[in-house]
Amino acid sequence: MPDATVMPHILRGVALLGVDSVMAPAPLRRSAWDRLARDLPASTLDSLSRVEPLSDVPRLAEEILAGKVRGRVVVGVTA
């Protein structure tokens, strides 16, 4: 997919926020992950996440575009 772009997301008012950790040195990334594992309670992460089946992606897309989704949605692709 060499012609992929984030422009459609930007044009729809979606903010793509995050950290580009790819260029960070491995020890720094490891330290960050260790701190998250130590300081972020699993219950907090669980409360911010949900797993939805692949068949629900059309409904999820509507919810996302309507601004009704908060946190992380994991799409399960296994049967």
PDB file of N, CA and C in Angstrom:
ATOM      1  N   MET A   1       0.837  -1.179   0.000  1.00  0.00           N
ATOM      2  CA  MET A   1       0.000   0.000   0.000  1.00  0.00           C
ATOM      3  C   MET A   1       0.884   1.245   0.000  1.00  0.00           C
ATOM      4  N   PRO A   2       1.689   1.439  -1.014  1.00  0.00           N
ATOM      5  CA  PRO A   2       2.641   2.541  -1.027  1.00  0.00           C
ATOM      6  C   PRO A   2       1.990   3.915  -1.124  1.00  0.00           C
ATOM      7  N   ASP A   3       0.752   3.990  -1.563  1.00  0.00           N
ATOM      8  CA  ASP A   3       0.090   5.288  -1.701  1.00  0.00           C
ATOM      9  C   ASP A   3      -0.767   5.641  -0.494  1.00  0.00           C
ATOM     10  N   ALA A   4      -0.613   4.935   0.616  1.00  0.00           N
ATOM     11  CA  ALA A   4      -1.415   5.201   1.808  1.00  0.00           C
ATOM     12  C   ALA A   4      -1.071   6.573   2.374  1.00  0.00           C
ATOM     13  N   THR A   5      -2.072   7.225   2.918  1.00  0.00           N
ATOM     14  CA  THR A   5      -1.869   8.541   3.504  1.00  0.00           C
ATOM     15  C   THR A   5      -2.807   8.720   4.687  1.00  0.00           C
ATOM     16  N   VAL A   6      -2.453   9.601   5.591  1.00  0.00           N
ATOM     17  CA  VAL A   6      -3.325   9.911   6.719  1.00  0.00           C
ATOM     18  C   VAL A   6      -4.286  11.042   6.381  1.00  0.00           C
ATOM     19  N   MET A   7      -4.163  11.609   5.197  1.00  0.00           N
ATOM     20  CA  MET A   7      -4.975  12.758   4.826  1.00  0.00           C
ATOM     21  C   MET A   7      -6.479  12.532   4.997  1.00  0.00           C
ATOM     22  N   PRO A   8      -7.044  11.374   4.627  1.00  0.00           N
ATOM     23  CA  PRO A   8      -8.492  11.209   4.838  1.00  0.00           C
ATOM     24  C   PRO A   8      -8.897  11.366   6.300  1.00  0.00           C
ATOM     25  N   HIS A   9      -8.033  10.929   7.219  1.00  0.00           N
ATOM     26  CA  HIS A   9      -8.342  11.071   8.639  1.00  0.00           C
ATOM     27  C   HIS A   9      -8.295  12.537   9.061  1.00  0.00           C
ATOM     28  N   ILE A  10      -7.314  13.246   8.587  1.00  0.00           N
ATOM     29  CA  ILE A  10      -7.187  14.658   8.932  1.00  0.00           C
ATOM     30  C   ILE A  10      -8.367  15.441   8.369  1.00  0.00           C
ATOM     31  N   LEU A  11      -8.749  15.142   7.148  1.00  0.00           N
ATOM     32  CA  LEU A  11      -9.852  15.859   6.523  1.00  0.00           C
ATOM     33  C   LEU A  11     -11.180  15.608   7.226  1.00  0.00           C
ATOM     34  N   ARG A  12     -11.302  14.493   7.920  1.00  0.00           N
ATOM     35  CA  ARG A  12     -12.542  14.190   8.639  1.00  0.00           C
ATOM     36  C   ARG A  12     -12.494  14.687  10.083  1.00  0.00           C
ATOM     37  N   GLY A  13     -11.494  15.449  10.432  1.00  0.00           N
ATOM     38  CA  GLY A  13     -11.413  16.014  11.772  1.00  0.00           C
ATOM     39  C   GLY A  13     -10.931  15.033  12.831  1.00  0.00           C
ATOM     40  N   VAL A  14     -10.297  13.947  12.427  1.00  0.00           N
ATOM     41  CA  VAL A  14      -9.781  12.971  13.376  1.00  0.00           C
ATOM     42  C   VAL A  14      -8.361  13.361  13.745  1.00  0.00           C
ATOM     43  N   ALA A  15      -8.095  13.457  15.026  1.00  0.00           N
ATOM     44  CA  ALA A  15      -6.747  13.775  15.483  1.00  0.00           C
ATOM     45  C   ALA A  15      -5.965  12.476  15.666  1.00  0.00           C
ATOM     46  N   LEU A  16      -4.868  12.346  14.978  1.00  0.00           N
ATOM     47  CA  LEU A  16      -3.998  11.185  15.120  1.00  0.00           C
ATOM     48  C   LEU A  16      -2.899  11.551  16.106  1.00  0.00           C
ATOM     49  N   LEU A  17      -3.067  11.119  17.342  1.00  0.00           N
ATOM     50  CA  LEU A  17      -2.144  11.483  18.398  1.00  0.00           C
ATOM     51  C   LEU A  17      -1.347  10.263  18.833  1.00  0.00           C
ATOM     52  N   GLY A  18      -0.115  10.474  19.160  1.00  0.00           N
ATOM     53  CA  GLY A  18       0.690   9.356  19.622  1.00  0.00           C
ATOM     54  C   GLY A  18       2.150   9.747  19.713  1.00  0.00           C
ATOM     55  N   VAL A  19       2.953   8.769  19.932  1.00  0.00           N
ATOM     56  CA  VAL A  19       4.387   8.977  20.070  1.00  0.00           C
ATOM     57  C   VAL A  19       5.081   8.110  19.036  1.00  0.00           C
ATOM     58  N   ASP A  20       6.009   8.690  18.317  1.00  0.00           N
ATOM     59  CA  ASP A  20       6.782   7.938  17.349  1.00  0.00           C
ATOM     60  C   ASP A  20       7.976   7.332  18.084  1.00  0.00           C
ATOM     61  N   SER A  21       7.757   6.131  18.605  1.00  0.00           N
ATOM     62  CA  SER A  21       8.809   5.505  19.395  1.00  0.00           C
ATOM     63  C   SER A  21       9.784   4.706  18.556  1.00  0.00           C
ATOM     64  N   VAL A  22       9.522   4.585  17.269  1.00  0.00           N
ATOM     65  CA  VAL A  22      10.374   3.768  16.408  1.00  0.00           C
ATOM     66  C   VAL A  22      11.807   4.287  16.399  1.00  0.00           C
ATOM     67  N   MET A  23      11.963   5.590  16.420  1.00  0.00           N
ATOM     68  CA  MET A  23      13.299   6.164  16.329  1.00  0.00           C
ATOM     69  C   MET A  23      13.991   6.289  17.691  1.00  0.00           C
ATOM     70  N   ALA A  24      13.272   6.020  18.778  1.00  0.00           N
ATOM     71  CA  ALA A  24      13.891   6.088  20.105  1.00  0.00           C
ATOM     72  C   ALA A  24      14.814   4.885  20.293  1.00  0.00           C
ATOM     73  N   PRO A  25      15.916   5.071  20.979  1.00  0.00           N
ATOM     74  CA  PRO A  25      16.830   3.952  21.225  1.00  0.00           C
ATOM     75  C   PRO A  25      16.121   2.850  22.022  1.00  0.00           C
ATOM     76  N   ALA A  26      16.491   1.605  21.758  1.00  0.00           N
ATOM     77  CA  ALA A  26      15.865   0.452  22.416  1.00  0.00           C
ATOM     78  C   ALA A  26      15.882   0.560  23.946  1.00  0.00           C
ATOM     79  N   PRO A  27      16.975   0.995  24.576  1.00  0.00           N
ATOM     80  CA  PRO A  27      16.950   1.095  26.047  1.00  0.00           C
ATOM     81  C   PRO A  27      15.892   2.092  26.558  1.00  0.00           C
ATOM     82  N   LEU A  28      15.702   3.181  25.839  1.00  0.00           N
ATOM     83  CA  LEU A  28      14.692   4.158  26.233  1.00  0.00           C
ATOM     84  C   LEU A  28      13.288   3.569  26.087  1.00  0.00           C
ATOM     85  N   ARG A  29      13.043   2.874  24.989  1.00  0.00           N
ATOM     86  CA  ARG A  29      11.729   2.227  24.791  1.00  0.00           C
ATOM     87  C   ARG A  29      11.491   1.187  25.878  1.00  0.00           C
ATOM     88  N   ARG A  30      12.500   0.382  26.170  1.00  0.00           N
ATOM     89  CA  ARG A  30      12.369  -0.651  27.200  1.00  0.00           C
ATOM     90  C   ARG A  30      12.061  -0.013  28.548  1.00  0.00           C
ATOM     91  N   SER A  31      12.714   1.075  28.859  1.00  0.00           N
ATOM     92  CA  SER A  31      12.480   1.777  30.117  1.00  0.00           C
ATOM     93  C   SER A  31      11.039   2.302  30.184  1.00  0.00           C
ATOM     94  N   ALA A  32      10.552   2.838  29.086  1.00  0.00           N
ATOM     95  CA  ALA A  32       9.174   3.348  29.052  1.00  0.00           C
ATOM     96  C   ALA A  32       8.170   2.220  29.259  1.00  0.00           C
ATOM     97  N   TRP A  33       8.375   1.092  28.586  1.00  0.00           N
ATOM     98  CA  TRP A  33       7.464  -0.052  28.746  1.00  0.00           C
ATOM     99  C   TRP A  33       7.537  -0.600  30.164  1.00  0.00           C
ATOM    100  N   ASP A  34       8.725  -0.647  30.747  1.00  0.00           N
ATOM    101  CA  ASP A  34       8.867  -1.119  32.129  1.00  0.00           C
ATOM    102  C   ASP A  34       8.101  -0.213  33.090  1.00  0.00           C
ATOM    103  N   ARG A  35       8.184   1.085  32.846  1.00  0.00           N
ATOM    104  CA  ARG A  35       7.469   2.021  33.729  1.00  0.00           C
ATOM    105  C   ARG A  35       5.964   1.870  33.581  1.00  0.00           C
ATOM    106  N   LEU A  36       5.489   1.718  32.343  1.00  0.00           N
ATOM    107  CA  LEU A  36       4.052   1.495  32.152  1.00  0.00           C
ATOM    108  C   LEU A  36       3.593   0.232  32.873  1.00  0.00           C
ATOM    109  N   ALA A  37       4.373  -0.825  32.753  1.00  0.00           N
ATOM    110  CA  ALA A  37       4.013  -2.084  33.408  1.00  0.00           C
ATOM    111  C   ALA A  37       3.992  -1.922  34.924  1.00  0.00           C
ATOM    112  N   ARG A  38       4.867  -1.101  35.445  1.00  0.00           N
ATOM    113  CA  ARG A  38       4.956  -0.895  36.889  1.00  0.00           C
ATOM    114  C   ARG A  38       3.908   0.088  37.404  1.00  0.00           C
ATOM    115  N   ASP A  39       3.684   1.196  36.687  1.00  0.00           N
ATOM    116  CA  ASP A  39       2.873   2.298  37.207  1.00  0.00           C
ATOM    117  C   ASP A  39       1.420   2.317  36.739  1.00  0.00           C
ATOM    118  N   LEU A  40       1.102   1.611  35.660  1.00  0.00           N
ATOM    119  CA  LEU A  40      -0.264   1.634  35.135  1.00  0.00           C
ATOM    120  C   LEU A  40      -0.986   0.365  35.569  1.00  0.00           C
ATOM    121  N   PRO A  41      -1.949   0.486  36.466  1.00  0.00           N
ATOM    122  CA  PRO A  41      -2.669  -0.710  36.908  1.00  0.00           C
ATOM    123  C   PRO A  41      -3.402  -1.369  35.738  1.00  0.00           C
ATOM    124  N   ALA A  42      -3.344  -2.690  35.688  1.00  0.00           N
ATOM    125  CA  ALA A  42      -4.014  -3.427  34.610  1.00  0.00           C
ATOM    126  C   ALA A  42      -5.504  -3.106  34.579  1.00  0.00           C
ATOM    127  N   SER A  43      -6.101  -2.866  35.738  1.00  0.00           N
ATOM    128  CA  SER A  43      -7.535  -2.557  35.777  1.00  0.00           C
ATOM    129  C   SER A  43      -7.833  -1.244  35.048  1.00  0.00           C
ATOM    130  N   THR A  44      -6.907  -0.287  35.101  1.00  0.00           N
ATOM    131  CA  THR A  44      -7.104   0.971  34.376  1.00  0.00           C
ATOM    132  C   THR A  44      -7.065   0.727  32.880  1.00  0.00           C
ATOM    133  N   LEU A  45      -6.093  -0.034  32.425  1.00  0.00           N
ATOM    134  CA  LEU A  45      -5.991  -0.346  31.003  1.00  0.00           C
ATOM    135  C   LEU A  45      -7.222  -1.124  30.546  1.00  0.00           C
ATOM    136  N   ASP A  46      -7.668  -2.080  31.358  1.00  0.00           N
ATOM    137  CA  ASP A  46      -8.860  -2.852  31.014  1.00  0.00           C
ATOM    138  C   ASP A  46     -10.089  -1.956  30.893  1.00  0.00           C
ATOM    139  N   SER A  47     -10.184  -0.946  31.738  1.00  0.00           N
ATOM    140  CA  SER A  47     -11.354  -0.062  31.691  1.00  0.00           C
ATOM    141  C   SER A  47     -11.342   0.849  30.468  1.00  0.00           C
ATOM    142  N   LEU A  48     -10.173   1.013  29.840  1.00  0.00           N
ATOM    143  CA  LEU A  48     -10.055   1.865  28.657  1.00  0.00           C
ATOM    144  C   LEU A  48     -10.115   1.084  27.350  1.00  0.00           C
ATOM    145  N   SER A  49     -10.257  -0.238  27.452  1.00  0.00           N
ATOM    146  CA  SER A  49     -10.182  -1.095  26.271  1.00  0.00           C
ATOM    147  C   SER A  49     -11.421  -1.964  26.157  1.00  0.00           C
ATOM    148  N   ARG A  50     -11.721  -2.334  24.913  1.00  0.00           N
ATOM    149  CA  ARG A  50     -12.766  -3.325  24.689  1.00  0.00           C
ATOM    150  C   ARG A  50     -12.426  -4.103  23.424  1.00  0.00           C
ATOM    151  N   VAL A  51     -12.891  -5.336  23.362  1.00  0.00           N
ATOM    152  CA  VAL A  51     -12.657  -6.188  22.203  1.00  0.00           C
ATOM    153  C   VAL A  51     -13.978  -6.370  21.480  1.00  0.00           C
ATOM    154  N   GLU A  52     -13.961  -6.146  20.181  1.00  0.00           N
ATOM    155  CA  GLU A  52     -15.154  -6.277  19.351  1.00  0.00           C
ATOM    156  C   GLU A  52     -14.846  -7.234  18.201  1.00  0.00           C
ATOM    157  N   PRO A  53     -15.847  -7.988  17.747  1.00  0.00           N
ATOM    158  CA  PRO A  53     -15.607  -8.900  16.619  1.00  0.00           C
ATOM    159  C   PRO A  53     -15.466  -8.155  15.301  1.00  0.00           C
ATOM    160  N   LEU A  54     -14.774  -8.779  14.376  1.00  0.00           N
ATOM    161  CA  LEU A  54     -14.567  -8.185  13.055  1.00  0.00           C
ATOM    162  C   LEU A  54     -15.898  -7.844  12.386  1.00  0.00           C
ATOM    163  N   SER A  55     -16.913  -8.643  12.636  1.00  0.00           N
ATOM    164  CA  SER A  55     -18.225  -8.403  12.018  1.00  0.00           C
ATOM    165  C   SER A  55     -18.862  -7.088  12.463  1.00  0.00           C
ATOM    166  N   ASP A  56     -18.391  -6.506  13.577  1.00  0.00           N
ATOM    167  CA  ASP A  56     -18.948  -5.245  14.076  1.00  0.00           C
ATOM    168  C   ASP A  56     -18.229  -4.008  13.554  1.00  0.00           C
ATOM    169  N   VAL A  57     -17.242  -4.183  12.694  1.00  0.00           N
ATOM    170  CA  VAL A  57     -16.467  -3.041  12.206  1.00  0.00           C
ATOM    171  C   VAL A  57     -17.340  -1.968  11.538  1.00  0.00           C
ATOM    172  N   PRO A  58     -18.328  -2.321  10.706  1.00  0.00           N
ATOM    173  CA  PRO A  58     -19.165  -1.254  10.125  1.00  0.00           C
ATOM    174  C   PRO A  58     -19.871  -0.415  11.198  1.00  0.00           C
ATOM    175  N   ARG A  59     -20.413  -1.057  12.233  1.00  0.00           N
ATOM    176  CA  ARG A  59     -21.065  -0.317  13.311  1.00  0.00           C
ATOM    177  C   ARG A  59     -20.044   0.526  14.072  1.00  0.00           C
ATOM    178  N   LEU A  60     -18.881  -0.059  14.344  1.00  0.00           N
ATOM    179  CA  LEU A  60     -17.828   0.672  15.047  1.00  0.00           C
ATOM    180  C   LEU A  60     -17.376   1.897  14.263  1.00  0.00           C
ATOM    181  N   ALA A  61     -17.275   1.752  12.940  1.00  0.00           N
ATOM    182  CA  ALA A  61     -16.873   2.885  12.107  1.00  0.00           C
ATOM    183  C   ALA A  61     -17.851   4.040  12.268  1.00  0.00           C
ATOM    184  N   GLU A  62     -19.139   3.722  12.296  1.00  0.00           N
ATOM    185  CA  GLU A  62     -20.145   4.780  12.488  1.00  0.00           C
ATOM    186  C   GLU A  62     -19.984   5.438  13.856  1.00  0.00           C
ATOM    187  N   GLU A  63     -19.741   4.628  14.881  1.00  0.00           N
ATOM    188  CA  GLU A  63     -19.544   5.180  16.226  1.00  0.00           C
ATOM    189  C   GLU A  63     -18.300   6.066  16.289  1.00  0.00           C
ATOM    190  N   ILE A  64     -17.230   5.612  15.656  1.00  0.00           N
ATOM    191  CA  ILE A  64     -15.986   6.390  15.655  1.00  0.00           C
ATOM    192  C   ILE A  64     -16.198   7.727  14.957  1.00  0.00           C
ATOM    193  N   LEU A  65     -16.824   7.700  13.791  1.00  0.00           N
ATOM    194  CA  LEU A  65     -17.057   8.937  13.046  1.00  0.00           C
ATOM    195  C   LEU A  65     -18.007   9.877  13.778  1.00  0.00           C
ATOM    196  N   ALA A  66     -18.889   9.318  14.598  1.00  0.00           N
ATOM    197  CA  ALA A  66     -19.823  10.144  15.370  1.00  0.00           C
ATOM    198  C   ALA A  66     -19.205  10.624  16.686  1.00  0.00           C
ATOM    199  N   GLY A  67     -17.945  10.245  16.939  1.00  0.00           N
ATOM    200  CA  GLY A  67     -17.272  10.679  18.162  1.00  0.00           C
ATOM    201  C   GLY A  67     -17.759   9.971  19.413  1.00  0.00           C
ATOM    202  N   LYS A  68     -18.311   8.779  19.272  1.00  0.00           N
ATOM    203  CA  LYS A  68     -18.871   8.058  20.414  1.00  0.00           C
ATOM    204  C   LYS A  68     -17.916   7.027  21.008  1.00  0.00           C
ATOM    205  N   VAL A  69     -16.733   6.882  20.442  1.00  0.00           N
ATOM    206  CA  VAL A  69     -15.783   5.883  20.925  1.00  0.00           C
ATOM    207  C   VAL A  69     -14.676   6.561  21.725  1.00  0.00           C
ATOM    208  N   ARG A  70     -14.452   6.058  22.917  1.00  0.00           N
ATOM    209  CA  ARG A  70     -13.361   6.559  23.766  1.00  0.00           C
ATOM    210  C   ARG A  70     -12.505   5.366  24.151  1.00  0.00           C
ATOM    211  N   GLY A  71     -11.216   5.575  24.266  1.00  0.00           N
ATOM    212  CA  GLY A  71     -10.335   4.497  24.668  1.00  0.00           C
ATOM    213  C   GLY A  71      -9.879   3.677  23.458  1.00  0.00           C
ATOM    214  N   ARG A  72      -9.603   2.408  23.732  1.00  0.00           N
ATOM    215  CA  ARG A  72      -9.027   1.531  22.714  1.00  0.00           C
ATOM    216  C   ARG A  72     -10.030   0.453  22.338  1.00  0.00           C
ATOM    217  N   VAL A  73     -10.194   0.245  21.053  1.00  0.00           N
ATOM    218  CA  VAL A  73     -11.026  -0.854  20.555  1.00  0.00           C
ATOM    219  C   VAL A  73     -10.116  -1.833  19.837  1.00  0.00           C
ATOM    220  N   VAL A  74     -10.108  -3.060  20.288  1.00  0.00           N
ATOM    221  CA  VAL A  74      -9.327  -4.117  19.668  1.00  0.00           C
ATOM    222  C   VAL A  74     -10.288  -4.942  18.832  1.00  0.00           C
ATOM    223  N   VAL A  75      -9.967  -5.114  17.553  1.00  0.00           N
ATOM    224  CA  VAL A  75     -10.814  -5.910  16.685  1.00  0.00           C
ATOM    225  C   VAL A  75     -10.280  -7.330  16.675  1.00  0.00           C
ATOM    226  N   GLY A  76     -11.125  -8.255  17.163  1.00  0.00           N
ATOM    227  CA  GLY A  76     -10.754  -9.666  17.188  1.00  0.00           C
ATOM    228  C   GLY A  76     -10.975 -10.270  15.815  1.00  0.00           C
ATOM    229  N   VAL A  77      -9.962 -10.875  15.249  1.00  0.00           N
ATOM    230  CA  VAL A  77     -10.075 -11.424  13.896  1.00  0.00           C
ATOM    231  C   VAL A  77     -10.085 -12.944  13.899  1.00  0.00           C
ATOM    232  N   THR A  78     -10.083 -13.561  15.062  1.00  0.00           N
ATOM    233  CA  THR A  78     -10.141 -15.012  15.118  1.00  0.00           C
ATOM    234  C   THR A  78     -11.577 -15.475  15.278  1.00  0.00           C
ATOM    235  N   ALA A  79     -11.857 -16.656  14.785  1.00  0.00           N
ATOM    236  CA  ALA A  79     -13.230 -17.194  14.860  1.00  0.00           C
ATOM    237  C   ALA A  79     -13.510 -17.783  16.215  1.00  0.00           C
TER     238      ALA A  79
END
